[in-house]
Amino acid sequence: MIYQLGWTTLPGLRGLSCSEFRAVATDAPDLANGVAAEFTTEVERDEFLQQLEAEFAPQRFTNAADAFDTVKAYVLERAARRT
């Protein structure tokens, strides 16, 4: 199943942080403005969301575009490894 990924980007004293990663099932992913990934099971999806949270919770970004591009690159890299 294909999921559209989302997260919350919040300002902080040391820069922007990404958290609260989520995945919503979709038949029409928005790849131009968003990030999508395919998972075979809900367990696989949930484990990946936990990985995202662990990877990005401690990181800080200077702007929203940098945060988005970094998360998107991470998702695409992980997807390429699974295939």
Protein backbone atom coordinates (compact mmCIF):
# COMPACT_ATOMS: atom_id res chain seq x y z
CA MET A 1 0.00 0.00 0.00
CA ILE A 2 1.19 3.53 -0.75
CA TYR A 3 1.22 6.09 2.05
CA GLN A 4 1.59 9.86 1.96
CA LEU A 5 4.02 10.81 4.72
CA GLY A 6 3.70 13.91 6.82
CA TRP A 7 5.22 15.45 9.90
CA THR A 8 5.18 18.55 12.05
CA THR A 9 7.94 21.13 11.70
CA LEU A 10 8.27 23.37 14.74
CA PRO A 11 10.57 26.29 15.56
CA GLY A 12 12.94 26.08 18.49
CA LEU A 13 15.83 27.98 19.98
CA ARG A 14 18.38 26.04 17.95
CA GLY A 15 16.37 25.83 14.70
CA LEU A 16 13.45 23.92 13.24
CA SER A 17 12.67 20.39 14.36
CA CYS A 18 10.67 17.62 12.69
CA SER A 19 8.45 15.30 14.72
CA GLU A 20 5.05 13.60 14.85
CA PHE A 21 5.67 11.59 11.69
CA ARG A 22 2.53 10.04 10.20
CA ALA A 23 1.44 8.05 7.17
CA VAL A 24 -1.95 8.22 5.44
CA ALA A 25 -2.97 5.58 2.90
CA THR A 26 -3.52 7.05 -0.56
CA ASP A 27 -4.28 5.98 -4.10
CA ALA A 28 -2.90 9.24 -5.53
CA PRO A 29 0.33 10.28 -3.78
CA ASP A 30 1.46 13.87 -4.18
CA LEU A 31 5.08 13.32 -5.18
CA ALA A 32 5.56 16.86 -6.47
CA ASN A 33 4.80 18.52 -3.13
CA GLY A 34 5.07 15.65 -0.70
CA VAL A 35 6.72 12.41 0.25
CA ALA A 36 5.20 8.99 -0.34
CA ALA A 37 6.39 5.48 0.47
CA GLU A 38 5.10 1.98 -0.06
CA PHE A 39 4.84 -0.53 2.77
CA THR A 40 3.64 -4.12 2.61
CA THR A 41 2.36 -4.26 6.19
CA GLU A 42 1.21 -1.90 8.91
CA VAL A 43 4.04 -3.19 11.11
CA GLU A 44 6.60 -2.21 8.45
CA ARG A 45 4.98 1.23 8.17
CA ASP A 46 4.95 1.78 11.93
CA GLU A 47 8.58 0.68 12.29
CA PHE A 48 9.59 3.11 9.55
CA LEU A 49 7.76 5.98 11.26
CA GLN A 50 9.64 5.16 14.46
CA GLN A 51 12.92 5.22 12.51
CA LEU A 52 12.04 8.64 11.13
CA GLU A 53 11.28 9.94 14.60
CA ALA A 54 14.54 8.56 16.00
CA GLU A 55 16.58 9.95 13.09
CA PHE A 56 15.10 13.44 12.97
CA ALA A 57 14.06 14.25 16.56
CA PRO A 58 17.57 15.39 17.54
CA GLN A 59 18.30 17.25 14.29
CA ARG A 60 17.75 20.97 13.77
CA PHE A 61 17.30 22.75 10.46
CA THR A 62 17.82 26.36 9.42
CA ASN A 63 14.67 26.53 7.28
CA ALA A 64 11.58 24.53 6.31
CA ALA A 65 12.85 23.74 2.81
CA ASP A 66 16.02 22.19 4.22
CA ALA A 67 13.97 20.11 6.66
CA PHE A 68 11.61 18.90 3.93
CA ASP A 69 14.41 18.07 1.48
CA THR A 70 16.40 16.18 4.13
CA VAL A 71 13.44 14.06 5.21
CA LYS A 72 12.45 13.40 1.58
CA ALA A 73 16.00 12.31 0.68
CA TYR A 74 16.05 9.97 3.69
CA VAL A 75 12.73 8.39 2.69
CA LEU A 76 13.79 7.94 -0.94
CA GLU A 77 17.13 6.43 0.11
CA ARG A 78 15.43 3.92 2.40
CA ALA A 79 12.88 3.04 -0.30
CA ALA A 80 15.69 2.36 -2.79
CA ARG A 81 17.40 0.01 -0.33
CA ARG A 82 14.23 -2.05 0.14
CA THR A 83 13.80 -2.76 -3.58
